C-alpha atoms as a PDB file:
ATOM      1  CA  UNK A   1       0.000   0.000   0.000  1.00  0.00           C
ATOM      2  CA  UNK A   2       1.390   3.383  -0.963  1.00  0.00           C
ATOM      3  CA  UNK A   3       0.883   6.371   1.256  1.00  0.00           C
ATOM      4  CA  UNK A   4       2.620   9.714   1.305  1.00  0.00           C
ATOM      5  CA  UNK A   5       1.521  11.915   4.135  1.00  0.00           C
ATOM      6  CA  UNK A   6       2.255  15.151   5.888  1.00  0.00           C
ATOM      7  CA  UNK A   7       0.999  14.870   9.469  1.00  0.00           C
ATOM      8  CA  UNK A   8       0.614  17.981  11.635  1.00  0.00           C
ATOM      9  CA  UNK A   9       1.856  17.646  15.201  1.00  0.00           C
ATOM     10  CA  UNK A  10      -0.052  19.480  17.905  1.00  0.00           C
ATOM     11  CA  UNK A  11       1.275  22.739  19.315  1.00  0.00           C
ATOM     12  CA  UNK A  12       1.551  22.767  23.075  1.00  0.00           C
ATOM     13  CA  UNK A  13       1.969  25.786  25.324  1.00  0.00           C
ATOM     14  CA  UNK A  14       2.688  24.805  28.918  1.00  0.00           C
ATOM     15  CA  UNK A  15       2.184  27.703  31.322  1.00  0.00           C
ATOM     16  CA  UNK A  16       3.286  27.936  34.929  1.00  0.00           C
ATOM     17  CA  UNK A  17       1.573  30.116  37.503  1.00  0.00           C
ATOM     18  CA  UNK A  18       3.449  33.051  36.024  1.00  0.00           C
ATOM     19  CA  UNK A  19       0.413  35.018  34.935  1.00  0.00           C
ATOM     20  CA  UNK A  20      -1.617  34.521  38.107  1.00  0.00           C
ATOM     21  CA  UNK A  21      -0.077  37.487  39.893  1.00  0.00           C
ATOM     22  CA  UNK A  22      -0.824  41.164  40.315  1.00  0.00           C
ATOM     23  CA  UNK A  23      -0.075  43.290  37.268  1.00  0.00           C
ATOM     24  CA  UNK A  24       2.357  46.148  37.253  1.00  0.00           C
ATOM     25  CA  UNK A  25       2.603  48.811  34.628  1.00  0.00           C
ATOM     26  CA  UNK A  26       5.523  48.623  32.220  1.00  0.00           C
ATOM     27  CA  UNK A  27       7.283  51.706  30.909  1.00  0.00           C
ATOM     28  CA  UNK A  28       7.317  53.184  27.452  1.00  0.00           C
ATOM     29  CA  UNK A  29      10.853  52.020  26.685  1.00  0.00           C
ATOM     30  CA  UNK A  30      11.143  49.309  24.031  1.00  0.00           C
ATOM     31  CA  UNK A  31      11.406  45.781  25.382  1.00  0.00           C
ATOM     32  CA  UNK A  32      14.570  43.993  24.220  1.00  0.00           C
ATOM     33  CA  UNK A  33      13.954  40.304  23.569  1.00  0.00           C
ATOM     34  CA  UNK A  34      15.910  37.441  22.027  1.00  0.00           C
ATOM     35  CA  UNK A  35      15.134  34.159  20.304  1.00  0.00           C
ATOM     36  CA  UNK A  36      17.877  31.503  20.526  1.00  0.00           C
ATOM     37  CA  UNK A  37      17.813  28.377  18.336  1.00  0.00           C
ATOM     38  CA  UNK A  38      19.624  25.097  18.979  1.00  0.00           C
ATOM     39  CA  UNK A  39      21.305  24.792  15.560  1.00  0.00           C
ATOM     40  CA  UNK A  40      21.461  26.333  12.095  1.00  0.00           C
ATOM     41  CA  UNK A  41      18.852  24.071  10.452  1.00  0.00           C
ATOM     42  CA  UNK A  42      16.454  25.463   7.839  1.00  0.00           C
ATOM     43  CA  UNK A  43      13.693  24.641  10.335  1.00  0.00           C
ATOM     44  CA  UNK A  44      14.545  27.907  12.059  1.00  0.00           C
ATOM     45  CA  UNK A  45      13.992  29.948   8.894  1.00  0.00           C
ATOM     46  CA  UNK A  46      10.264  29.417   9.407  1.00  0.00           C
ATOM     47  CA  UNK A  47      10.508  30.276  13.108  1.00  0.00           C
ATOM     48  CA  UNK A  48      12.358  33.479  12.193  1.00  0.00           C
ATOM     49  CA  UNK A  49       9.441  34.517   9.991  1.00  0.00           C
ATOM     50  CA  UNK A  50       7.123  34.119  12.990  1.00  0.00           C
ATOM     51  CA  UNK A  51       9.460  36.227  15.123  1.00  0.00           C
ATOM     52  CA  UNK A  52       9.596  38.885  12.415  1.00  0.00           C
ATOM     53  CA  UNK A  53       5.816  38.911  12.086  1.00  0.00           C
ATOM     54  CA  UNK A  54       5.348  39.425  15.834  1.00  0.00           C
ATOM     55  CA  UNK A  55       8.052  42.084  15.785  1.00  0.00           C
ATOM     56  CA  UNK A  56       6.231  43.974  13.016  1.00  0.00           C
ATOM     57  CA  UNK A  57       2.999  43.892  15.024  1.00  0.00           C
ATOM     58  CA  UNK A  58       4.559  45.021  18.311  1.00  0.00           C
ATOM     59  CA  UNK A  59       6.176  48.457  17.988  1.00  0.00           C
ATOM     60  CA  UNK A  60       7.314  48.351  21.631  1.00  0.00           C
ATOM     61  CA  UNK A  61       9.563  45.313  21.035  1.00  0.00           C
ATOM     62  CA  UNK A  62      13.035  44.780  19.593  1.00  0.00           C
ATOM     63  CA  UNK A  63      14.013  41.151  18.934  1.00  0.00           C
ATOM     64  CA  UNK A  64      17.443  39.647  18.328  1.00  0.00           C
ATOM     65  CA  UNK A  65      17.467  36.262  16.556  1.00  0.00           C
ATOM     66  CA  UNK A  66      20.542  34.183  17.452  1.00  0.00           C
ATOM     67  CA  UNK A  67      21.736  30.904  15.910  1.00  0.00           C
ATOM     68  CA  UNK A  68      24.555  28.862  17.513  1.00  0.00           C
ATOM     69  CA  UNK A  69      26.936  28.113  14.663  1.00  0.00           C
ATOM     70  CA  UNK A  70      28.069  24.736  15.979  1.00  0.00           C
ATOM     71  CA  UNK A  71      24.856  23.681  17.735  1.00  0.00           C
ATOM     72  CA  UNK A  72      26.556  23.033  21.078  1.00  0.00           C
ATOM     73  CA  UNK A  73      25.540  23.828  24.642  1.00  0.00           C
ATOM     74  CA  UNK A  74      28.802  25.752  25.051  1.00  0.00           C
ATOM     75  CA  UNK A  75      27.950  28.022  22.114  1.00  0.00           C
ATOM     76  CA  UNK A  76      24.451  28.563  23.501  1.00  0.00           C
ATOM     77  CA  UNK A  77      25.989  29.620  26.810  1.00  0.00           C
ATOM     78  CA  UNK A  78      28.199  32.149  25.037  1.00  0.00           C
ATOM     79  CA  UNK A  79      25.145  33.542  23.274  1.00  0.00           C
ATOM     80  CA  UNK A  80      23.101  33.754  26.487  1.00  0.00           C
ATOM     81  CA  UNK A  81      25.968  35.456  28.342  1.00  0.00           C
ATOM     82  CA  UNK A  82      26.324  37.962  25.496  1.00  0.00           C
ATOM     83  CA  UNK A  83      22.595  38.709  25.452  1.00  0.00           C
ATOM     84  CA  UNK A  84      22.505  39.261  29.217  1.00  0.00           C
ATOM     85  CA  UNK A  85      25.494  41.580  28.967  1.00  0.00           C
ATOM     86  CA  UNK A  86      23.629  43.572  26.314  1.00  0.00           C
ATOM     87  CA  UNK A  87      20.722  44.096  28.704  1.00  0.00           C
ATOM     88  CA  UNK A  88      18.222  41.787  27.037  1.00  0.00           C
ATOM     89  CA  UNK A  89      14.972  41.605  29.019  1.00  0.00           C
ATOM     90  CA  UNK A  90      13.544  38.305  27.897  1.00  0.00           C
ATOM     91  CA  UNK A  91      14.560  35.322  25.794  1.00  0.00           C
ATOM     92  CA  UNK A  92      13.150  32.181  24.254  1.00  0.00           C
ATOM     93  CA  UNK A  93      15.655  29.347  23.949  1.00  0.00           C
ATOM     94  CA  UNK A  94      15.655  25.819  22.569  1.00  0.00           C
ATOM     95  CA  UNK A  95      18.142  24.152  24.940  1.00  0.00           C
ATOM     96  CA  UNK A  96      20.539  21.706  23.319  1.00  0.00           C
ATOM     97  CA  UNK A  97      21.113  19.698  26.499  1.00  0.00           C
ATOM     98  CA  UNK A  98      18.447  20.698  29.034  1.00  0.00           C
ATOM     99  CA  UNK A  99      19.591  18.402  31.838  1.00  0.00           C
ATOM    100  CA  UNK A 100      23.021  20.018  31.813  1.00  0.00           C
ATOM    101  CA  UNK A 101      21.765  23.528  31.052  1.00  0.00           C
ATOM    102  CA  UNK A 102      19.403  23.851  34.012  1.00  0.00           C
ATOM    103  CA  UNK A 103      21.851  26.040  35.912  1.00  0.00           C
ATOM    104  CA  UNK A 104      22.355  28.283  32.862  1.00  0.00           C
ATOM    105  CA  UNK A 105      18.600  28.775  32.480  1.00  0.00           C
ATOM    106  CA  UNK A 106      18.106  29.282  36.212  1.00  0.00           C
ATOM    107  CA  UNK A 107      20.815  31.936  36.376  1.00  0.00           C
ATOM    108  CA  UNK A 108      19.377  33.720  33.342  1.00  0.00           C
ATOM    109  CA  UNK A 109      15.869  33.536  34.836  1.00  0.00           C
ATOM    110  CA  UNK A 110      17.088  35.462  37.883  1.00  0.00           C
ATOM    111  CA  UNK A 111      17.745  38.395  35.572  1.00  0.00           C
ATOM    112  CA  UNK A 112      15.243  38.167  32.721  1.00  0.00           C
ATOM    113  CA  UNK A 113      12.081  36.381  31.646  1.00  0.00           C
ATOM    114  CA  UNK A 114      13.085  33.041  30.096  1.00  0.00           C
ATOM    115  CA  UNK A 115      10.831  30.720  28.111  1.00  0.00           C
ATOM    116  CA  UNK A 116      11.776  27.536  26.319  1.00  0.00           C
ATOM    117  CA  UNK A 117      10.595  26.775  22.805  1.00  0.00           C
ATOM    118  CA  UNK A 118      10.874  23.704  20.567  1.00  0.00           C
ATOM    119  CA  UNK A 119      12.650  21.693  23.294  1.00  0.00           C
ATOM    120  CA  UNK A 120      11.742  22.082  26.965  1.00  0.00           C
ATOM    121  CA  UNK A 121      13.721  22.164  30.219  1.00  0.00           C
ATOM    122  CA  UNK A 122      10.919  21.482  32.714  1.00  0.00           C
ATOM    123  CA  UNK A 123      13.217  21.134  35.730  1.00  0.00           C
ATOM    124  CA  UNK A 124      14.548  24.660  35.213  1.00  0.00           C
ATOM    125  CA  UNK A 125      13.147  28.031  36.277  1.00  0.00           C
ATOM    126  CA  UNK A 126      11.875  28.772  32.778  1.00  0.00           C
ATOM    127  CA  UNK A 127       8.514  30.551  32.904  1.00  0.00           C
ATOM    128  CA  UNK A 128       6.792  28.471  30.226  1.00  0.00           C
ATOM    129  CA  UNK A 129       7.282  26.212  27.214  1.00  0.00           C
ATOM    130  CA  UNK A 130       6.011  26.900  23.691  1.00  0.00           C
ATOM    131  CA  UNK A 131       6.305  24.074  21.214  1.00  0.00           C
ATOM    132  CA  UNK A 132       5.163  20.670  20.069  1.00  0.00           C
ATOM    133  CA  UNK A 133       3.977  17.896  22.366  1.00  0.00           C
ATOM    134  CA  UNK A 134       6.987  15.850  21.308  1.00  0.00           C
ATOM    135  CA  UNK A 135       5.865  12.573  22.860  1.00  0.00           C
ATOM    136  CA  UNK A 136       2.590  12.827  20.935  1.00  0.00           C
ATOM    137  CA  UNK A 137       4.573  13.632  17.782  1.00  0.00           C
ATOM    138  CA  UNK A 138       6.662  10.522  18.396  1.00  0.00           C
ATOM    139  CA  UNK A 139       3.490   8.471  18.748  1.00  0.00           C
ATOM    140  CA  UNK A 140       2.333   9.830  15.379  1.00  0.00           C
ATOM    141  CA  UNK A 141       5.667   8.915  13.820  1.00  0.00           C
ATOM    142  CA  UNK A 142       5.406   5.424  15.301  1.00  0.00           C
ATOM    143  CA  UNK A 143       1.980   4.924  13.766  1.00  0.00           C
ATOM    144  CA  UNK A 144       3.343   6.050  10.407  1.00  0.00           C
ATOM    145  CA  UNK A 145       6.198   3.564  10.718  1.00  0.00           C
ATOM    146  CA  UNK A 146       3.717   0.749  11.330  1.00  0.00           C
ATOM    147  CA  UNK A 147       1.694   1.837   8.292  1.00  0.00           C
ATOM    148  CA  UNK A 148       4.849   1.835   6.169  1.00  0.00           C
ATOM    149  CA  UNK A 149       5.875  -1.599   7.472  1.00  0.00           C
ATOM    150  CA  UNK A 150       2.657  -3.604   7.951  1.00  0.00           C
ATOM    151  CA  UNK A 151       4.690  -6.835   8.111  1.00  0.00           C
ATOM    152  CA  UNK A 152       7.224  -5.342  10.499  1.00  0.00           C
ATOM    153  CA  UNK A 153      10.960  -5.003   9.955  1.00  0.00           C
ATOM    154  CA  UNK A 154      14.113  -3.380  11.258  1.00  0.00           C
ATOM    155  CA  UNK A 155      14.480   0.384  11.486  1.00  0.00           C
ATOM    156  CA  UNK A 156      17.238   2.839  12.382  1.00  0.00           C
ATOM    157  CA  UNK A 157      16.560   6.207  13.971  1.00  0.00           C
ATOM    158  CA  UNK A 158      18.616   9.349  13.320  1.00  0.00           C
ATOM    159  CA  UNK A 159      18.826  12.630  15.231  1.00  0.00           C
ATOM    160  CA  UNK A 160      21.256  15.435  15.977  1.00  0.00           C
ATOM    161  CA  UNK A 161      21.507  15.002  19.737  1.00  0.00           C
ATOM    162  CA  UNK A 162      19.649  12.409  21.776  1.00  0.00           C
ATOM    163  CA  UNK A 163      20.248  14.527  24.917  1.00  0.00           C
ATOM    164  CA  UNK A 164      17.818  17.173  23.647  1.00  0.00           C
ATOM    165  CA  UNK A 165      14.449  16.750  25.327  1.00  0.00           C
ATOM    166  CA  UNK A 166      12.487  16.926  22.072  1.00  0.00           C
ATOM    167  CA  UNK A 167      14.612  14.073  20.693  1.00  0.00           C
ATOM    168  CA  UNK A 168      14.148  12.004  23.858  1.00  0.00           C
ATOM    169  CA  UNK A 169      10.387  12.518  23.877  1.00  0.00           C
ATOM    170  CA  UNK A 170       9.965  11.760  20.168  1.00  0.00           C
ATOM    171  CA  UNK A 171      12.053   8.613  20.538  1.00  0.00           C
ATOM    172  CA  UNK A 172      10.026   7.507  23.547  1.00  0.00           C
ATOM    173  CA  UNK A 173       6.796   8.171  21.652  1.00  0.00           C
ATOM    174  CA  UNK A 174       8.004   6.014  18.780  1.00  0.00           C
ATOM    175  CA  UNK A 175       8.974   3.198  21.142  1.00  0.00           C
ATOM    176  CA  UNK A 176       5.602   3.402  22.860  1.00  0.00           C
ATOM    177  CA  UNK A 177       3.747   3.280  19.533  1.00  0.00           C
ATOM    178  CA  UNK A 178       5.758   0.273  18.350  1.00  0.00           C
ATOM    179  CA  UNK A 179       5.159  -1.843  21.446  1.00  0.00           C
ATOM    180  CA  UNK A 180       3.598  -5.159  20.466  1.00  0.00           C
ATOM    181  CA  UNK A 181       4.407  -4.665  16.773  1.00  0.00           C
ATOM    182  CA  UNK A 182       6.878  -6.560  14.603  1.00  0.00           C
ATOM    183  CA  UNK A 183       8.982  -3.443  14.080  1.00  0.00           C
ATOM    184  CA  UNK A 184      12.447  -3.633  15.646  1.00  0.00           C
ATOM    185  CA  UNK A 185      14.543  -0.553  16.409  1.00  0.00           C
ATOM    186  CA  UNK A 186      18.176  -1.382  15.677  1.00  0.00           C
ATOM    187  CA  UNK A 187      19.638   1.716  17.332  1.00  0.00           C
ATOM    188  CA  UNK A 188      19.818   5.523  17.302  1.00  0.00           C
ATOM    189  CA  UNK A 189      22.546   7.344  15.366  1.00  0.00           C
ATOM    190  CA  UNK A 190      23.468  10.942  16.283  1.00  0.00           C
ATOM    191  CA  UNK A 191      25.277  13.519  14.153  1.00  0.00           C
ATOM    192  CA  UNK A 192      25.716  16.639  16.345  1.00  0.00           C
ATOM    193  CA  UNK A 193      23.721  18.637  13.742  1.00  0.00           C
ATOM    194  CA  UNK A 194      26.366  17.974  11.066  1.00  0.00           C
ATOM    195  CA  UNK A 195      24.523  17.380   7.782  1.00  0.00           C
ATOM    196  CA  UNK A 196      27.460  15.562   6.200  1.00  0.00           C
ATOM    197  CA  UNK A 197      27.657  13.224   9.163  1.00  0.00           C
ATOM    198  CA  UNK A 198      23.870  12.815   9.109  1.00  0.00           C
ATOM    199  CA  UNK A 199      24.028  11.509   5.535  1.00  0.00           C
ATOM    200  CA  UNK A 200      27.075   9.373   6.345  1.00  0.00           C
ATOM    201  CA  UNK A 201      25.197   7.770   9.255  1.00  0.00           C
ATOM    202  CA  UNK A 202      22.359   6.821   6.925  1.00  0.00           C
ATOM    203  CA  UNK A 203      24.726   5.552   4.240  1.00  0.00           C
ATOM    204  CA  UNK A 204      26.669   3.451   6.755  1.00  0.00           C
ATOM    205  CA  UNK A 205      23.417   1.959   8.035  1.00  0.00           C
ATOM    206  CA  UNK A 206      22.369   0.915   4.541  1.00  0.00           C
ATOM    207  CA  UNK A 207      25.706  -0.862   4.073  1.00  0.00           C
ATOM    208  CA  UNK A 208      25.953  -2.461   7.530  1.00  0.00           C
ATOM    209  CA  UNK A 209      22.316  -3.508   7.782  1.00  0.00           C
ATOM    210  CA  UNK A 210      21.281  -4.743   4.374  1.00  0.00           C
ATOM    211  CA  UNK A 211      17.931  -5.859   5.762  1.00  0.00           C
ATOM    212  CA  UNK A 212      16.986  -2.491   7.252  1.00  0.00           C
ATOM    213  CA  UNK A 213      13.405  -1.730   6.237  1.00  0.00           C
ATOM    214  CA  UNK A 214      13.033   1.925   7.214  1.00  0.00           C
ATOM    215  CA  UNK A 215      15.088   4.937   8.237  1.00  0.00           C
ATOM    216  CA  UNK A 216      13.522   7.490  10.580  1.00  0.00           C
ATOM    217  CA  UNK A 217      14.782  11.068  11.041  1.00  0.00           C
ATOM    218  CA  UNK A 218      13.756  12.988  14.165  1.00  0.00           C
ATOM    219  CA  UNK A 219      15.133  16.431  13.272  1.00  0.00           C
ATOM    220  CA  UNK A 220      14.331  18.481  10.202  1.00  0.00           C
ATOM    221  CA  UNK A 221      17.575  18.023   8.245  1.00  0.00           C
ATOM    222  CA  UNK A 222      17.607  14.249   8.880  1.00  0.00           C
ATOM    223  CA  UNK A 223      14.907  13.723   6.255  1.00  0.00           C
ATOM    224  CA  UNK A 224      16.928  15.189   3.362  1.00  0.00           C
ATOM    225  CA  UNK A 225      20.120  13.493   4.630  1.00  0.00           C
ATOM    226  CA  UNK A 226      18.411  10.093   4.704  1.00  0.00           C
ATOM    227  CA  UNK A 227      16.765  10.667   1.331  1.00  0.00           C
ATOM    228  CA  UNK A 228      20.087  11.465  -0.357  1.00  0.00           C
ATOM    229  CA  UNK A 229      21.737   8.410   1.187  1.00  0.00           C
ATOM    230  CA  UNK A 230      18.897   6.158   0.021  1.00  0.00           C
ATOM    231  CA  UNK A 231      19.090   7.656  -3.491  1.00  0.00           C
ATOM    232  CA  UNK A 232      22.859   7.077  -3.634  1.00  0.00           C
ATOM    233  CA  UNK A 233      22.326   3.466  -2.584  1.00  0.00           C
ATOM    234  CA  UNK A 234      19.659   2.949  -5.258  1.00  0.00           C
ATOM    235  CA  UNK A 235      17.111   1.917  -2.638  1.00  0.00           C
ATOM    236  CA  UNK A 236      14.348   4.472  -3.151  1.00  0.00           C
ATOM    237  CA  UNK A 237      11.046   2.716  -2.485  1.00  0.00           C
ATOM    238  CA  UNK A 238      12.813  -0.320  -1.084  1.00  0.00           C
ATOM    239  CA  UNK A 239      13.807   1.375   2.182  1.00  0.00           C
ATOM    240  CA  UNK A 240      10.996   3.434   3.666  1.00  0.00           C
ATOM    241  CA  UNK A 241      11.646   6.919   5.047  1.00  0.00           C
ATOM    242  CA  UNK A 242       9.747   8.640   7.843  1.00  0.00           C
ATOM    243  CA  UNK A 243      10.813  12.215   8.608  1.00  0.00           C
ATOM    244  CA  UNK A 244      10.032  15.251  10.703  1.00  0.00           C
ATOM    245  CA  UNK A 245       9.317  18.803   9.565  1.00  0.00           C
ATOM    246  CA  UNK A 246       8.990  20.462   6.194  1.00  0.00           C
ATOM    247  CA  UNK A 247      12.354  21.179   4.636  1.00  0.00           C
ATOM    248  CA  UNK A 248      12.054  21.645   0.875  1.00  0.00           C
ATOM    249  CA  UNK A 249      13.809  18.361   0.077  1.00  0.00           C
ATOM    250  CA  UNK A 250      11.557  16.500   2.481  1.00  0.00           C
ATOM    251  CA  UNK A 251       8.400  17.871   0.883  1.00  0.00           C
ATOM    252  CA  UNK A 252       9.814  17.118  -2.576  1.00  0.00           C
ATOM    253  CA  UNK A 253      10.473  13.575  -1.377  1.00  0.00           C
ATOM    254  CA  UNK A 254       6.886  13.285  -0.176  1.00  0.00           C
ATOM    255  CA  UNK A 255       5.636  14.509  -3.544  1.00  0.00           C
ATOM    256  CA  UNK A 256       7.810  12.065  -5.497  1.00  0.00           C
ATOM    257  CA  UNK A 257       6.945   9.161  -3.206  1.00  0.00           C
ATOM    258  CA  UNK A 258      10.526   8.631  -2.030  1.00  0.00           C
ATOM    259  CA  UNK A 259       9.561   9.648   1.522  1.00  0.00           C
ATOM    260  CA  UNK A 260       6.529   7.906   2.978  1.00  0.00           C
ATOM    261  CA  UNK A 261       5.524  10.530   5.542  1.00  0.00           C
ATOM    262  CA  UNK A 262       6.679  13.465   7.630  1.00  0.00           C
ATOM    263  CA  UNK A 263       5.409  14.829  10.941  1.00  0.00           C
ATOM    264  CA  UNK A 264       5.189  18.598  10.567  1.00  0.00           C
ATOM    265  CA  UNK A 265       5.395  21.054  13.449  1.00  0.00           C
ATOM    266  CA  UNK A 266       4.522  24.756  13.584  1.00  0.00           C
ATOM    267  CA  UNK A 267       7.854  26.610  13.933  1.00  0.00           C
ATOM    268  CA  UNK A 268       6.254  29.836  12.682  1.00  0.00           C
ATOM    269  CA  UNK A 269       4.067  29.759  15.788  1.00  0.00           C
ATOM    270  CA  UNK A 270       7.071  28.929  17.985  1.00  0.00           C
ATOM    271  CA  UNK A 271       8.597  32.213  16.890  1.00  0.00           C
ATOM    272  CA  UNK A 272       5.476  34.348  16.860  1.00  0.00           C
ATOM    273  CA  UNK A 273       4.020  33.116  20.132  1.00  0.00           C
ATOM    274  CA  UNK A 274       7.366  33.319  21.924  1.00  0.00           C
ATOM    275  CA  UNK A 275       7.594  37.044  21.208  1.00  0.00           C
ATOM    276  CA  UNK A 276       3.900  37.709  21.847  1.00  0.00           C
ATOM    277  CA  UNK A 277       3.896  35.804  25.135  1.00  0.00           C
ATOM    278  CA  UNK A 278       7.014  37.506  26.448  1.00  0.00           C
ATOM    279  CA  UNK A 279       5.646  40.891  25.457  1.00  0.00           C
ATOM    280  CA  UNK A 280       2.387  40.032  27.219  1.00  0.00           C
ATOM    281  CA  UNK A 281       4.232  38.945  30.351  1.00  0.00           C
ATOM    282  CA  UNK A 282       6.275  42.126  30.378  1.00  0.00           C
ATOM    283  CA  UNK A 283       3.148  44.213  29.943  1.00  0.00           C
ATOM    284  CA  UNK A 284       1.429  42.434  32.849  1.00  0.00           C
ATOM    285  CA  UNK A 285       4.331  41.967  35.193  1.00  0.00           C
ATOM    286  CA  UNK A 286       6.729  44.809  34.571  1.00  0.00           C
ATOM    287  CA  UNK A 287      10.442  44.112  34.277  1.00  0.00           C
ATOM    288  CA  UNK A 288      11.729  43.304  37.736  1.00  0.00           C
ATOM    289  CA  UNK A 289      13.129  39.737  37.505  1.00  0.00           C
ATOM    290  CA  UNK A 290      11.953  38.573  40.983  1.00  0.00           C
ATOM    291  CA  UNK A 291       8.351  39.208  39.869  1.00  0.00           C
ATOM    292  CA  UNK A 292       8.709  36.604  37.103  1.00  0.00           C
ATOM    293  CA  UNK A 293       8.925  33.640  39.450  1.00  0.00           C
END
């Protein structure tokens, strides 16, 4: 059975008790905000458009969009430190390694309003999370895998960093969806957001595991990387591909039938709602950091 699908993941905004406090009046000065990504993927181009749209609608806000060149927690820390030194008043960040960045987020939250987007850090002092319910998205991906492999088979999963919470939750969702099925997960291969390595991981899998039935990419660039590896191996249609997000190559692969399905998020809303929510919080709460939490 052929099926080529684009599945929309649900957008989840998790709020703390942040807004259930007395309001204070903010000043007329422009609010300086920042949006920090976790890598340089094309996924963030869509999020940037959402940030820019919110910026255009909110004349009292200035927004700085920052992309860590190497996609590491260390580079994110340098960016956060720089933003704080510049006097930024609020930021939305997609933490690369939330378990090991809790202190960074907590320290920043003592000075400014911090929200997480795309990937959460729920044990930190972040005010709220804006992004996909990643476990639910993983469940959707798992169902798509079962549709692609009705007789079961072996699969390999690919992602930039398995330490990222969105990766962990998507992977867990997939495992939960596949329980009781005949689909076997061989392993997870990581690439540290290196597209060349991402393709190499897929190519190596196709050589080492000749019986692999499907390759699954959890981050946006993994879909194109897997697709190119499968094309080079001459296995289009033979090895099924399940992806995440809507990079141009992924959507082209869906259209051609080379990719069976992709789970699409709403990065535009990540960007837009992050700016709108922080502006709203500033307007309600004023700018004194202790009032944020």
